[in-house]
PDB file of N, CA and C in Angstrom:
ATOM      1  N   UNK A   1       0.847  -1.179   0.000  1.00  0.00           N
ATOM      2  CA  UNK A   1       0.000   0.000   0.000  1.00  0.00           C
ATOM      3  C   UNK A   1       0.889   1.237   0.000  1.00  0.00           C
ATOM      4  N   UNK A   2       0.574   2.160  -0.868  1.00  0.00           N
ATOM      5  CA  UNK A   2       1.377   3.370  -0.988  1.00  0.00           C
ATOM      6  C   UNK A   2       0.849   4.439  -0.033  1.00  0.00           C
ATOM      7  N   UNK A   3       1.759   5.060   0.692  1.00  0.00           N
ATOM      8  CA  UNK A   3       1.361   6.127   1.614  1.00  0.00           C
ATOM      9  C   UNK A   3       1.102   7.401   0.826  1.00  0.00           C
ATOM     10  N   UNK A   4       0.060   8.117   1.209  1.00  0.00           N
ATOM     11  CA  UNK A   4      -0.236   9.392   0.544  1.00  0.00           C
ATOM     12  C   UNK A   4       0.260  10.515   1.432  1.00  0.00           C
ATOM     13  N   UNK A   5       0.850  11.485   0.786  1.00  0.00           N
ATOM     14  CA  UNK A   5       1.368  12.631   1.518  1.00  0.00           C
ATOM     15  C   UNK A   5       0.246  13.634   1.726  1.00  0.00           C
ATOM     16  N   UNK A   6       0.093  14.129   2.921  1.00  0.00           N
ATOM     17  CA  UNK A   6      -0.938  15.112   3.209  1.00  0.00           C
ATOM     18  C   UNK A   6      -0.566  16.428   2.556  1.00  0.00           C
ATOM     19  N   UNK A   7      -1.504  17.019   1.828  1.00  0.00           N
ATOM     20  CA  UNK A   7      -1.225  18.256   1.110  1.00  0.00           C
ATOM     21  C   UNK A   7      -1.118  19.424   2.090  1.00  0.00           C
ATOM     22  N   UNK A   8      -0.114  20.246   1.873  1.00  0.00           N
ATOM     23  CA  UNK A   8       0.102  21.417   2.712  1.00  0.00           C
ATOM     24  C   UNK A   8      -0.797  22.537   2.208  1.00  0.00           C
ATOM     25  N   UNK A   9      -1.507  23.176   3.117  1.00  0.00           N
ATOM     26  CA  UNK A   9      -2.407  24.264   2.739  1.00  0.00           C
ATOM     27  C   UNK A   9      -2.186  25.471   3.641  1.00  0.00           C
ATOM     28  N   UNK A  10      -2.558  26.621   3.093  1.00  0.00           N
ATOM     29  CA  UNK A  10      -2.632  27.856   3.886  1.00  0.00           C
ATOM     30  C   UNK A  10      -4.110  28.205   3.978  1.00  0.00           C
ATOM     31  N   UNK A  11      -4.546  28.602   5.148  1.00  0.00           N
ATOM     32  CA  UNK A  11      -5.943  28.977   5.358  1.00  0.00           C
ATOM     33  C   UNK A  11      -6.043  30.497   5.442  1.00  0.00           C
ATOM     34  N   UNK A  12      -6.923  31.061   4.627  1.00  0.00           N
ATOM     35  CA  UNK A  12      -7.177  32.506   4.654  1.00  0.00           C
ATOM     36  C   UNK A  12      -8.594  32.725   5.164  1.00  0.00           C
ATOM     37  N   UNK A  13      -8.756  33.607   6.141  1.00  0.00           N
ATOM     38  CA  UNK A  13     -10.070  33.857   6.723  1.00  0.00           C
ATOM     39  C   UNK A  13     -10.671  35.136   6.163  1.00  0.00           C
ATOM     40  N   UNK A  14     -11.870  35.002   5.627  1.00  0.00           N
ATOM     41  CA  UNK A  14     -12.634  36.138   5.121  1.00  0.00           C
ATOM     42  C   UNK A  14     -13.989  36.147   5.819  1.00  0.00           C
ATOM     43  N   UNK A  15     -14.714  37.235   5.706  1.00  0.00           N
ATOM     44  CA  UNK A  15     -16.036  37.309   6.321  1.00  0.00           C
ATOM     45  C   UNK A  15     -16.961  36.231   5.766  1.00  0.00           C
ATOM     46  N   UNK A  16     -16.776  35.881   4.489  1.00  0.00           N
ATOM     47  CA  UNK A  16     -17.623  34.870   3.847  1.00  0.00           C
ATOM     48  C   UNK A  16     -17.212  33.445   4.211  1.00  0.00           C
ATOM     49  N   UNK A  17     -16.086  33.293   4.889  1.00  0.00           N
ATOM     50  CA  UNK A  17     -15.628  31.970   5.290  1.00  0.00           C
ATOM     51  C   UNK A  17     -14.144  31.800   5.057  1.00  0.00           C
ATOM     52  N   UNK A  18     -13.675  30.605   5.303  1.00  0.00           N
ATOM     53  CA  UNK A  18     -12.261  30.290   5.172  1.00  0.00           C
ATOM     54  C   UNK A  18     -11.980  29.743   3.775  1.00  0.00           C
ATOM     55  N   UNK A  19     -10.814  30.101   3.222  1.00  0.00           N
ATOM     56  CA  UNK A  19     -10.379  29.610   1.918  1.00  0.00           C
ATOM     57  C   UNK A  19      -9.060  28.874   2.113  1.00  0.00           C
ATOM     58  N   UNK A  20      -9.009  27.663   1.593  1.00  0.00           N
ATOM     59  CA  UNK A  20      -7.785  26.875   1.628  1.00  0.00           C
ATOM     60  C   UNK A  20      -7.019  27.097   0.332  1.00  0.00           C
ATOM     61  N   UNK A  21      -5.729  27.358   0.467  1.00  0.00           N
ATOM     62  CA  UNK A  21      -4.868  27.588  -0.693  1.00  0.00           C
ATOM     63  C   UNK A  21      -3.781  26.520  -0.685  1.00  0.00           C
ATOM     64  N   UNK A  22      -3.612  25.851  -1.819  1.00  0.00           N
ATOM     65  CA  UNK A  22      -2.611  24.801  -1.966  1.00  0.00           C
ATOM     66  C   UNK A  22      -1.454  25.315  -2.828  1.00  0.00           C
ATOM     67  N   UNK A  23      -0.418  24.511  -2.946  1.00  0.00           N
ATOM     68  CA  UNK A  23       0.680  24.901  -3.836  1.00  0.00           C
ATOM     69  C   UNK A  23       0.209  24.919  -5.287  1.00  0.00           C
ATOM     70  N   UNK A  24      -0.773  24.102  -5.625  1.00  0.00           N
ATOM     71  CA  UNK A  24      -1.357  24.159  -6.975  1.00  0.00           C
ATOM     72  C   UNK A  24      -2.024  25.516  -7.189  1.00  0.00           C
ATOM     73  N   UNK A  25      -2.745  25.999  -6.173  1.00  0.00           N
ATOM     74  CA  UNK A  25      -3.337  27.340  -6.247  1.00  0.00           C
ATOM     75  C   UNK A  25      -2.247  28.394  -6.439  1.00  0.00           C
ATOM     76  N   UNK A  26      -1.144  28.240  -5.691  1.00  0.00           N
ATOM     77  CA  UNK A  26      -0.057  29.214  -5.811  1.00  0.00           C
ATOM     78  C   UNK A  26       0.510  29.260  -7.224  1.00  0.00           C
ATOM     79  N   UNK A  27       0.563  28.121  -7.886  1.00  0.00           N
ATOM     80  CA  UNK A  27       1.002  28.099  -9.280  1.00  0.00           C
ATOM     81  C   UNK A  27       0.052  28.895 -10.166  1.00  0.00           C
ATOM     82  N   UNK A  28      -1.257  28.728  -9.944  1.00  0.00           N
ATOM     83  CA  UNK A  28      -2.256  29.484 -10.708  1.00  0.00           C
ATOM     84  C   UNK A  28      -2.194  30.972 -10.369  1.00  0.00           C
ATOM     85  N   UNK A  29      -1.961  31.286  -9.103  1.00  0.00           N
ATOM     86  CA  UNK A  29      -1.828  32.689  -8.681  1.00  0.00           C
ATOM     87  C   UNK A  29      -0.598  33.309  -9.335  1.00  0.00           C
ATOM     88  N   UNK A  30       0.484  32.547  -9.406  1.00  0.00           N
ATOM     89  CA  UNK A  30       1.705  33.042 -10.042  1.00  0.00           C
ATOM     90  C   UNK A  30       1.436  33.402 -11.501  1.00  0.00           C
ATOM     91  N   UNK A  31       0.692  32.562 -12.207  1.00  0.00           N
ATOM     92  CA  UNK A  31       0.367  32.853 -13.604  1.00  0.00           C
ATOM     93  C   UNK A  31      -0.530  34.085 -13.725  1.00  0.00           C
ATOM     94  N   UNK A  32      -1.489  34.235 -12.815  1.00  0.00           N
ATOM     95  CA  UNK A  32      -2.364  35.413 -12.831  1.00  0.00           C
ATOM     96  C   UNK A  32      -1.561  36.680 -12.556  1.00  0.00           C
ATOM     97  N   UNK A  33      -0.641  36.614 -11.601  1.00  0.00           N
ATOM     98  CA  UNK A  33       0.206  37.766 -11.295  1.00  0.00           C
ATOM     99  C   UNK A  33       1.098  38.089 -12.477  1.00  0.00           C
ATOM    100  N   UNK A  34       1.625  37.071 -13.113  1.00  0.00           N
ATOM    101  CA  UNK A  34       2.480  37.288 -14.283  1.00  0.00           C
ATOM    102  C   UNK A  34       1.708  38.030 -15.380  1.00  0.00           C
ATOM    103  N   UNK A  35       0.485  37.627 -15.634  1.00  0.00           N
ATOM    104  CA  UNK A  35      -0.345  38.300 -16.644  1.00  0.00           C
ATOM    105  C   UNK A  35      -0.563  39.771 -16.301  1.00  0.00           C
ATOM    106  N   UNK A  36      -0.838  40.047 -15.032  1.00  0.00           N
ATOM    107  CA  UNK A  36      -1.047  41.440 -14.599  1.00  0.00           C
ATOM    108  C   UNK A  36       0.234  42.253 -14.741  1.00  0.00           C
ATOM    109  N   UNK A  37       1.372  41.655 -14.398  1.00  0.00           N
ATOM    110  CA  UNK A  37       2.651  42.368 -14.517  1.00  0.00           C
ATOM    111  C   UNK A  37       3.022  42.612 -15.984  1.00  0.00           C
ATOM    112  N   UNK A  38       2.698  41.689 -16.865  1.00  0.00           N
ATOM    113  CA  UNK A  38       2.971  41.878 -18.295  1.00  0.00           C
ATOM    114  C   UNK A  38       2.181  43.087 -18.812  1.00  0.00           C
ATOM    115  N   UNK A  39       0.923  43.207 -18.394  1.00  0.00           N
ATOM    116  CA  UNK A  39       0.120  44.376 -18.796  1.00  0.00           C
ATOM    117  C   UNK A  39       0.755  45.671 -18.307  1.00  0.00           C
ATOM    118  N   UNK A  40       1.193  45.688 -17.056  1.00  0.00           N
ATOM    119  CA  UNK A  40       1.828  46.890 -16.498  1.00  0.00           C
ATOM    120  C   UNK A  40       3.170  47.177 -17.163  1.00  0.00           C
ATOM    121  N   UNK A  41       3.892  46.130 -17.529  1.00  0.00           N
ATOM    122  CA  UNK A  41       5.204  46.304 -18.151  1.00  0.00           C
ATOM    123  C   UNK A  41       5.076  47.045 -19.480  1.00  0.00           C
ATOM    124  N   UNK A  42       4.001  46.822 -20.200  1.00  0.00           N
ATOM    125  CA  UNK A  42       3.791  47.522 -21.476  1.00  0.00           C
ATOM    126  C   UNK A  42       3.740  49.026 -21.272  1.00  0.00           C
ATOM    127  N   UNK A  43       3.160  49.458 -20.154  1.00  0.00           N
ATOM    128  CA  UNK A  43       3.044  50.882 -19.837  1.00  0.00           C
ATOM    129  C   UNK A  43       4.307  51.434 -19.194  1.00  0.00           C
ATOM    130  N   UNK A  44       4.992  50.600 -18.413  1.00  0.00           N
ATOM    131  CA  UNK A  44       6.123  51.074 -17.625  1.00  0.00           C
ATOM    132  C   UNK A  44       7.192  49.978 -17.508  1.00  0.00           C
ATOM    133  N   UNK A  45       7.949  49.754 -18.605  1.00  0.00           N
ATOM    134  CA  UNK A  45       8.921  48.657 -18.597  1.00  0.00           C
ATOM    135  C   UNK A  45       9.999  48.789 -17.526  1.00  0.00           C
ATOM    136  N   UNK A  46      10.434  49.983 -17.234  1.00  0.00           N
ATOM    137  CA  UNK A  46      11.534  50.161 -16.274  1.00  0.00           C
ATOM    138  C   UNK A  46      11.170  49.645 -14.881  1.00  0.00           C
ATOM    139  N   UNK A  47       9.920  49.820 -14.483  1.00  0.00           N
ATOM    140  CA  UNK A  47       9.504  49.391 -13.147  1.00  0.00           C
ATOM    141  C   UNK A  47       9.041  47.938 -13.092  1.00  0.00           C
ATOM    142  N   UNK A  48       8.429  47.446 -14.169  1.00  0.00           N
ATOM    143  CA  UNK A  48       7.804  46.136 -14.106  1.00  0.00           C
ATOM    144  C   UNK A  48       8.612  44.999 -14.727  1.00  0.00           C
ATOM    145  N   UNK A  49       9.521  45.286 -15.642  1.00  0.00           N
ATOM    146  CA  UNK A  49      10.346  44.218 -16.227  1.00  0.00           C
ATOM    147  C   UNK A  49      11.158  43.479 -15.154  1.00  0.00           C
ATOM    148  N   UNK A  50      11.787  44.197 -14.207  1.00  0.00           N
ATOM    149  CA  UNK A  50      12.533  43.465 -13.159  1.00  0.00           C
ATOM    150  C   UNK A  50      11.625  42.590 -12.288  1.00  0.00           C
ATOM    151  N   UNK A  51      10.383  43.031 -12.072  1.00  0.00           N
ATOM    152  CA  UNK A  51       9.457  42.215 -11.277  1.00  0.00           C
ATOM    153  C   UNK A  51       9.099  40.923 -12.014  1.00  0.00           C
ATOM    154  N   UNK A  52       8.987  41.003 -13.334  1.00  0.00           N
ATOM    155  CA  UNK A  52       8.700  39.803 -14.122  1.00  0.00           C
ATOM    156  C   UNK A  52       9.857  38.812 -14.070  1.00  0.00           C
ATOM    157  N   UNK A  53      11.071  39.316 -14.191  1.00  0.00           N
ATOM    158  CA  UNK A  53      12.241  38.446 -14.113  1.00  0.00           C
ATOM    159  C   UNK A  53      12.285  37.772 -12.739  1.00  0.00           C
ATOM    160  N   UNK A  54      12.063  38.556 -11.708  1.00  0.00           N
ATOM    161  CA  UNK A  54      12.053  38.027 -10.341  1.00  0.00           C
ATOM    162  C   UNK A  54      10.956  36.968 -10.171  1.00  0.00           C
ATOM    163  N   UNK A  55       9.767  37.255 -10.698  1.00  0.00           N
ATOM    164  CA  UNK A  55       8.639  36.337 -10.559  1.00  0.00           C
ATOM    165  C   UNK A  55       8.899  35.016 -11.285  1.00  0.00           C
ATOM    166  N   UNK A  56       9.458  35.095 -12.475  1.00  0.00           N
ATOM    167  CA  UNK A  56       9.712  33.875 -13.243  1.00  0.00           C
ATOM    168  C   UNK A  56      10.645  32.917 -12.498  1.00  0.00           C
ATOM    169  N   UNK A  57      11.558  33.451 -11.721  1.00  0.00           N
ATOM    170  CA  UNK A  57      12.502  32.610 -10.967  1.00  0.00           C
ATOM    171  C   UNK A  57      11.996  32.269  -9.559  1.00  0.00           C
ATOM    172  N   UNK A  58      10.857  32.830  -9.170  1.00  0.00           N
ATOM    173  CA  UNK A  58      10.380  32.693  -7.794  1.00  0.00           C
ATOM    174  C   UNK A  58       9.771  31.320  -7.520  1.00  0.00           C
ATOM    175  N   UNK A  59      10.209  30.673  -6.447  1.00  0.00           N
ATOM    176  CA  UNK A  59       9.570  29.424  -6.039  1.00  0.00           C
ATOM    177  C   UNK A  59       8.254  29.720  -5.315  1.00  0.00           C
ATOM    178  N   UNK A  60       7.373  28.734  -5.275  1.00  0.00           N
ATOM    179  CA  UNK A  60       6.147  28.852  -4.480  1.00  0.00           C
ATOM    180  C   UNK A  60       6.229  27.827  -3.354  1.00  0.00           C
ATOM    181  N   UNK A  61       5.793  28.217  -2.171  1.00  0.00           N
ATOM    182  CA  UNK A  61       5.823  27.280  -1.044  1.00  0.00           C
ATOM    183  C   UNK A  61       4.863  27.745   0.037  1.00  0.00           C
ATOM    184  N   UNK A  62       4.511  26.788   0.870  1.00  0.00           N
ATOM    185  CA  UNK A  62       3.669  27.058   2.045  1.00  0.00           C
ATOM    186  C   UNK A  62       4.431  26.514   3.245  1.00  0.00           C
ATOM    187  N   UNK A  63       4.639  27.381   4.213  1.00  0.00           N
ATOM    188  CA  UNK A  63       5.353  26.990   5.423  1.00  0.00           C
ATOM    189  C   UNK A  63       4.631  27.544   6.636  1.00  0.00           C
ATOM    190  N   UNK A  64       4.336  26.680   7.579  1.00  0.00           N
ATOM    191  CA  UNK A  64       3.648  27.080   8.814  1.00  0.00           C
ATOM    192  C   UNK A  64       2.354  27.816   8.517  1.00  0.00           C
ATOM    193  N   UNK A  65       1.641  27.372   7.468  1.00  0.00           N
ATOM    194  CA  UNK A  65       0.343  27.962   7.118  1.00  0.00           C
ATOM    195  C   UNK A  65       0.425  29.266   6.351  1.00  0.00           C
ATOM    196  N   UNK A  66       1.628  29.684   5.956  1.00  0.00           N
ATOM    197  CA  UNK A  66       1.796  30.945   5.220  1.00  0.00           C
ATOM    198  C   UNK A  66       2.223  30.622   3.794  1.00  0.00           C
ATOM    199  N   UNK A  67       1.477  31.156   2.831  1.00  0.00           N
ATOM    200  CA  UNK A  67       1.751  30.916   1.414  1.00  0.00           C
ATOM    201  C   UNK A  67       2.654  32.018   0.880  1.00  0.00           C
ATOM    202  N   UNK A  68       3.698  31.603   0.166  1.00  0.00           N
ATOM    203  CA  UNK A  68       4.676  32.543  -0.384  1.00  0.00           C
ATOM    204  C   UNK A  68       4.915  32.247  -1.852  1.00  0.00           C
ATOM    205  N   UNK A  69       5.227  33.316  -2.564  1.00  0.00           N
ATOM    206  CA  UNK A  69       5.552  33.230  -3.982  1.00  0.00           C
ATOM    207  C   UNK A  69       6.776  34.119  -4.151  1.00  0.00           C
ATOM    208  N   UNK A  70       7.960  33.557  -3.932  1.00  0.00           N
ATOM    209  CA  UNK A  70       9.171  34.380  -3.912  1.00  0.00           C
ATOM    210  C   UNK A  70       9.036  35.424  -2.809  1.00  0.00           C
ATOM    211  N   UNK A  71       9.248  36.707  -3.134  1.00  0.00           N
ATOM    212  CA  UNK A  71       9.139  37.750  -2.119  1.00  0.00           C
ATOM    213  C   UNK A  71       7.693  38.198  -1.839  1.00  0.00           C
ATOM    214  N   UNK A  72       6.732  37.590  -2.504  1.00  0.00           N
ATOM    215  CA  UNK A  72       5.326  37.928  -2.315  1.00  0.00           C
ATOM    216  C   UNK A  72       4.719  37.016  -1.246  1.00  0.00           C
ATOM    217  N   UNK A  73       3.929  37.599  -0.351  1.00  0.00           N
ATOM    218  CA  UNK A  73       3.256  36.845   0.708  1.00  0.00           C
ATOM    219  C   UNK A  73       1.750  36.937   0.482  1.00  0.00           C
ATOM    220  N   UNK A  74       1.074  35.797   0.542  1.00  0.00           N
ATOM    221  CA  UNK A  74      -0.381  35.757   0.390  1.00  0.00           C
ATOM    222  C   UNK A  74      -1.017  35.989   1.749  1.00  0.00           C
ATOM    223  N   UNK A  75      -1.936  36.949   1.806  1.00  0.00           N
ATOM    224  CA  UNK A  75      -2.565  37.293   3.071  1.00  0.00           C
ATOM    225  C   UNK A  75      -3.948  37.886   2.793  1.00  0.00           C
ATOM    226  N   UNK A  76      -4.574  38.424   3.826  1.00  0.00           N
ATOM    227  CA  UNK A  76      -5.845  39.124   3.643  1.00  0.00           C
ATOM    228  C   UNK A  76      -5.713  40.541   4.197  1.00  0.00           C
ATOM    229  N   UNK A  77      -6.442  41.432   3.575  1.00  0.00           N
ATOM    230  CA  UNK A  77      -6.540  42.828   4.026  1.00  0.00           C
ATOM    231  C   UNK A  77      -7.964  43.295   3.765  1.00  0.00           C
ATOM    232  N   UNK A  78      -8.590  43.831   4.784  1.00  0.00           N
ATOM    233  CA  UNK A  78      -9.933  44.387   4.642  1.00  0.00           C
ATOM    234  C   UNK A  78     -10.848  43.438   3.869  1.00  0.00           C
ATOM    235  N   UNK A  79     -10.824  42.176   4.238  1.00  0.00           N
ATOM    236  CA  UNK A  79     -11.667  41.143   3.661  1.00  0.00           C
ATOM    237  C   UNK A  79     -11.392  40.892   2.169  1.00  0.00           C
ATOM    238  N   UNK A  80     -10.142  41.109   1.766  1.00  0.00           N
ATOM    239  CA  UNK A  80      -9.706  40.819   0.402  1.00  0.00           C
ATOM    240  C   UNK A  80      -8.494  39.901   0.477  1.00  0.00           C
ATOM    241  N   UNK A  81      -8.350  39.039  -0.513  1.00  0.00           N
ATOM    242  CA  UNK A  81      -7.147  38.214  -0.622  1.00  0.00           C
ATOM    243  C   UNK A  81      -6.129  39.012  -1.419  1.00  0.00           C
ATOM    244  N   UNK A  82      -4.934  39.182  -0.855  1.00  0.00           N
ATOM    245  CA  UNK A  82      -3.911  39.982  -1.514  1.00  0.00           C
ATOM    246  C   UNK A  82      -2.551  39.292  -1.462  1.00  0.00           C
ATOM    247  N   UNK A  83      -1.730  39.629  -2.445  1.00  0.00           N
ATOM    248  CA  UNK A  83      -0.314  39.294  -2.430  1.00  0.00           C
ATOM    249  C   UNK A  83       0.417  40.584  -2.139  1.00  0.00           C
ATOM    250  N   UNK A  84       1.319  40.572  -1.179  1.00  0.00           N
ATOM    251  CA  UNK A  84       2.101  41.759  -0.842  1.00  0.00           C
ATOM    252  C   UNK A  84       3.569  41.418  -1.071  1.00  0.00           C
ATOM    253  N   UNK A  85       4.230  42.235  -1.874  1.00  0.00           N
ATOM    254  CA  UNK A  85       5.650  42.006  -2.163  1.00  0.00           C
ATOM    255  C   UNK A  85       6.489  42.690  -1.093  1.00  0.00           C
ATOM    256  N   UNK A  86       7.272  41.890  -0.399  1.00  0.00           N
ATOM    257  CA  UNK A  86       8.155  42.419   0.638  1.00  0.00           C
ATOM    258  C   UNK A  86       9.422  42.958  -0.024  1.00  0.00           C
ATOM    259  N   UNK A  87       9.877  44.088   0.450  1.00  0.00           N
ATOM    260  CA  UNK A  87      11.086  44.704  -0.091  1.00  0.00           C
ATOM    261  C   UNK A  87      12.096  44.911   1.030  1.00  0.00           C
ATOM    262  N   UNK A  88      13.373  45.024   0.673  1.00  0.00           N
ATOM    263  CA  UNK A  88      14.371  45.304   1.702  1.00  0.00           C
ATOM    264  C   UNK A  88      14.099  46.664   2.353  1.00  0.00           C
ATOM    265  N   UNK A  89      14.476  46.827   3.614  1.00  0.00           N
ATOM    266  CA  UNK A  89      14.266  48.112   4.286  1.00  0.00           C
ATOM    267  C   UNK A  89      15.051  49.241   3.623  1.00  0.00           C
ATOM    268  N   UNK A  90      14.356  50.318   3.348  1.00  0.00           N
ATOM    269  CA  UNK A  90      14.953  51.546   2.813  1.00  0.00           C
ATOM    270  C   UNK A  90      14.212  52.712   3.452  1.00  0.00           C
ATOM    271  N   UNK A  91      14.744  53.930   3.336  1.00  0.00           N
ATOM    272  CA  UNK A  91      14.030  55.064   3.944  1.00  0.00           C
ATOM    273  C   UNK A  91      12.595  55.215   3.438  1.00  0.00           C
ATOM    274  N   UNK A  92      12.368  55.062   2.140  1.00  0.00           N
ATOM    275  CA  UNK A  92      11.022  55.069   1.587  1.00  0.00           C
ATOM    276  C   UNK A  92      10.813  53.723   0.909  1.00  0.00           C
ATOM    277  N   UNK A  93       9.794  52.997   1.356  1.00  0.00           N
ATOM    278  CA  UNK A  93       9.578  51.647   0.832  1.00  0.00           C
ATOM    279  C   UNK A  93       8.372  51.606  -0.091  1.00  0.00           C
ATOM    280  N   UNK A  94       8.507  50.813  -1.146  1.00  0.00           N
ATOM    281  CA  UNK A  94       7.402  50.576  -2.069  1.00  0.00           C
ATOM    282  C   UNK A  94       6.905  49.149  -1.852  1.00  0.00           C
ATOM    283  N   UNK A  95       5.618  49.010  -1.641  1.00  0.00           N
ATOM    284  CA  UNK A  95       5.005  47.700  -1.506  1.00  0.00           C
ATOM    285  C   UNK A  95       4.050  47.505  -2.670  1.00  0.00           C
ATOM    286  N   UNK A  96       4.298  46.489  -3.481  1.00  0.00           N
ATOM    287  CA  UNK A  96       3.369  46.139  -4.531  1.00  0.00           C
ATOM    288  C   UNK A  96       2.303  45.249  -3.899  1.00  0.00           C
ATOM    289  N   UNK A  97       1.038  45.569  -4.169  1.00  0.00           N
ATOM    290  CA  UNK A  97      -0.076  44.814  -3.599  1.00  0.00           C
ATOM    291  C   UNK A  97      -1.003  44.398  -4.737  1.00  0.00           C
ATOM    292  N   UNK A  98      -1.193  43.099  -4.877  1.00  0.00           N
ATOM    293  CA  UNK A  98      -2.090  42.555  -5.898  1.00  0.00           C
ATOM    294  C   UNK A  98      -3.322  41.989  -5.210  1.00  0.00           C
ATOM    295  N   UNK A  99      -4.494  42.509  -5.554  1.00  0.00           N
ATOM    296  CA  UNK A  99      -5.752  41.997  -5.021  1.00  0.00           C
ATOM    297  C   UNK A  99      -6.220  40.855  -5.914  1.00  0.00           C
ATOM    298  N   UNK A 100      -6.528  39.729  -5.306  1.00  0.00           N
ATOM    299  CA  UNK A 100      -6.872  38.516  -6.044  1.00  0.00           C
ATOM    300  C   UNK A 100      -8.322  38.126  -5.858  1.00  0.00           C
ATOM    301  N   UNK A 101      -8.829  37.377  -6.840  1.00  0.00           N
ATOM    302  CA  UNK A 101     -10.121  36.723  -6.670  1.00  0.00           C
ATOM    303  C   UNK A 101     -10.020  35.327  -7.272  1.00  0.00           C
ATOM    304  N   UNK A 102     -10.692  34.400  -6.632  1.00  0.00           N
ATOM    305  CA  UNK A 102     -10.723  33.022  -7.127  1.00  0.00           C
ATOM    306  C   UNK A 102     -11.860  32.932  -8.145  1.00  0.00           C
ATOM    307  N   UNK A 103     -11.552  32.328  -9.280  1.00  0.00           N
ATOM    308  CA  UNK A 103     -12.542  32.152 -10.340  1.00  0.00           C
ATOM    309  C   UNK A 103     -12.771  30.648 -10.475  1.00  0.00           C
ATOM    310  N   UNK A 104     -13.914  30.184 -10.048  1.00  0.00           N
ATOM    311  CA  UNK A 104     -14.167  28.749 -10.053  1.00  0.00           C
ATOM    312  C   UNK A 104     -13.385  28.080  -8.943  1.00  0.00           C
ATOM    313  N   UNK A 105     -13.029  26.832  -9.166  1.00  0.00           N
ATOM    314  CA  UNK A 105     -12.346  26.103  -8.100  1.00  0.00           C
ATOM    315  C   UNK A 105     -10.830  26.104  -8.228  1.00  0.00           C
ATOM    316  N   UNK A 106     -10.284  26.437  -9.421  1.00  0.00           N
ATOM    317  CA  UNK A 106      -8.831  26.371  -9.577  1.00  0.00           C
ATOM    318  C   UNK A 106      -8.192  27.619 -10.181  1.00  0.00           C
ATOM    319  N   UNK A 107      -8.958  28.481 -10.803  1.00  0.00           N
ATOM    320  CA  UNK A 107      -8.372  29.651 -11.469  1.00  0.00           C
ATOM    321  C   UNK A 107      -8.362  30.861 -10.531  1.00  0.00           C
ATOM    322  N   UNK A 108      -7.407  31.746 -10.775  1.00  0.00           N
ATOM    323  CA  UNK A 108      -7.278  32.977 -10.004  1.00  0.00           C
ATOM    324  C   UNK A 108      -7.116  34.148 -10.971  1.00  0.00           C
ATOM    325  N   UNK A 109      -7.520  35.340 -10.521  1.00  0.00           N
ATOM    326  CA  UNK A 109      -7.447  36.546 -11.331  1.00  0.00           C
ATOM    327  C   UNK A 109      -6.953  37.703 -10.451  1.00  0.00           C
ATOM    328  N   UNK A 110      -6.068  38.543 -11.005  1.00  0.00           N
ATOM    329  CA  UNK A 110      -5.631  39.747 -10.290  1.00  0.00           C
ATOM    330  C   UNK A 110      -6.618  40.852 -10.627  1.00  0.00           C
ATOM    331  N   UNK A 111      -7.394  41.286  -9.640  1.00  0.00           N
ATOM    332  CA  UNK A 111      -8.389  42.348  -9.832  1.00  0.00           C
ATOM    333  C   UNK A 111      -7.745  43.718  -9.887  1.00  0.00           C
ATOM    334  N   UNK A 112      -6.681  43.887  -9.104  1.00  0.00           N
ATOM    335  CA  UNK A 112      -6.056  45.197  -8.991  1.00  0.00           C
ATOM    336  C   UNK A 112      -4.595  45.007  -8.594  1.00  0.00           C
ATOM    337  N   UNK A 113      -3.746  45.866  -9.140  1.00  0.00           N
ATOM    338  CA  UNK A 113      -2.331  45.858  -8.787  1.00  0.00           C
ATOM    339  C   UNK A 113      -1.945  47.293  -8.492  1.00  0.00           C
ATOM    340  N   UNK A 114      -1.514  47.537  -7.266  1.00  0.00           N
ATOM    341  CA  UNK A 114      -1.181  48.911  -6.878  1.00  0.00           C
ATOM    342  C   UNK A 114       0.146  48.946  -6.139  1.00  0.00           C
ATOM    343  N   UNK A 115       0.675  50.146  -6.024  1.00  0.00           N
ATOM    344  CA  UNK A 115       1.928  50.363  -5.300  1.00  0.00           C
ATOM    345  C   UNK A 115       1.623  51.255  -4.107  1.00  0.00           C
ATOM    346  N   UNK A 116       2.014  50.793  -2.929  1.00  0.00           N
ATOM    347  CA  UNK A 116       1.872  51.593  -1.704  1.00  0.00           C
ATOM    348  C   UNK A 116       3.242  52.161  -1.364  1.00  0.00           C
ATOM    349  N   UNK A 117       3.289  53.440  -1.102  1.00  0.00           N
ATOM    350  CA  UNK A 117       4.535  54.097  -0.707  1.00  0.00           C
ATOM    351  C   UNK A 117       4.455  54.335   0.797  1.00  0.00           C
ATOM    352  N   UNK A 118       5.481  53.842   1.513  1.00  0.00           N
ATOM    353  CA  UNK A 118       5.513  54.001   2.971  1.00  0.00           C
ATOM    354  C   UNK A 118       6.731  54.836   3.321  1.00  0.00           C
ATOM    355  N   UNK A 119       6.482  55.977   3.947  1.00  0.00           N
ATOM    356  CA  UNK A 119       7.550  56.885   4.367  1.00  0.00           C
ATOM    357  C   UNK A 119       7.828  56.678   5.854  1.00  0.00           C
ATOM    358  N   UNK A 120       9.064  56.861   6.266  1.00  0.00           N
ATOM    359  CA  UNK A 120       9.369  56.732   7.700  1.00  0.00           C
ATOM    360  C   UNK A 120       8.690  57.847   8.493  1.00  0.00           C
ATOM    361  N   UNK A 121       8.459  57.547   9.745  1.00  0.00           N
ATOM    362  CA  UNK A 121       7.824  58.566  10.594  1.00  0.00           C
ATOM    363  C   UNK A 121       8.854  59.443  11.222  1.00  0.00           C
TER     364      UNK A 121
END
């Protein structure tokens, strides 16, 4: 008898209920993010081309219930599922935030991609 490996999942809590995200989901999310970044790259290649290169090389993994896609972390904000790109500390930090929605049982779509600028206090 072959042993089956238990699938690792990240649980995201929303007002409508809990959503389980698997590494297969992360692969679909990566493709959705890539599509959104390609659209932005057409308008602004200098800012978005490096993000595409980074994304293409980025591994996906779930550790201790937290889903990651390279430097992007999957989380929730204000009852939305978002990917937040972590950046090294600098005096003024830019955080790329992609708002996601699940389409059906396996597909994902980036609804919005924005940049948050955080200034030191």
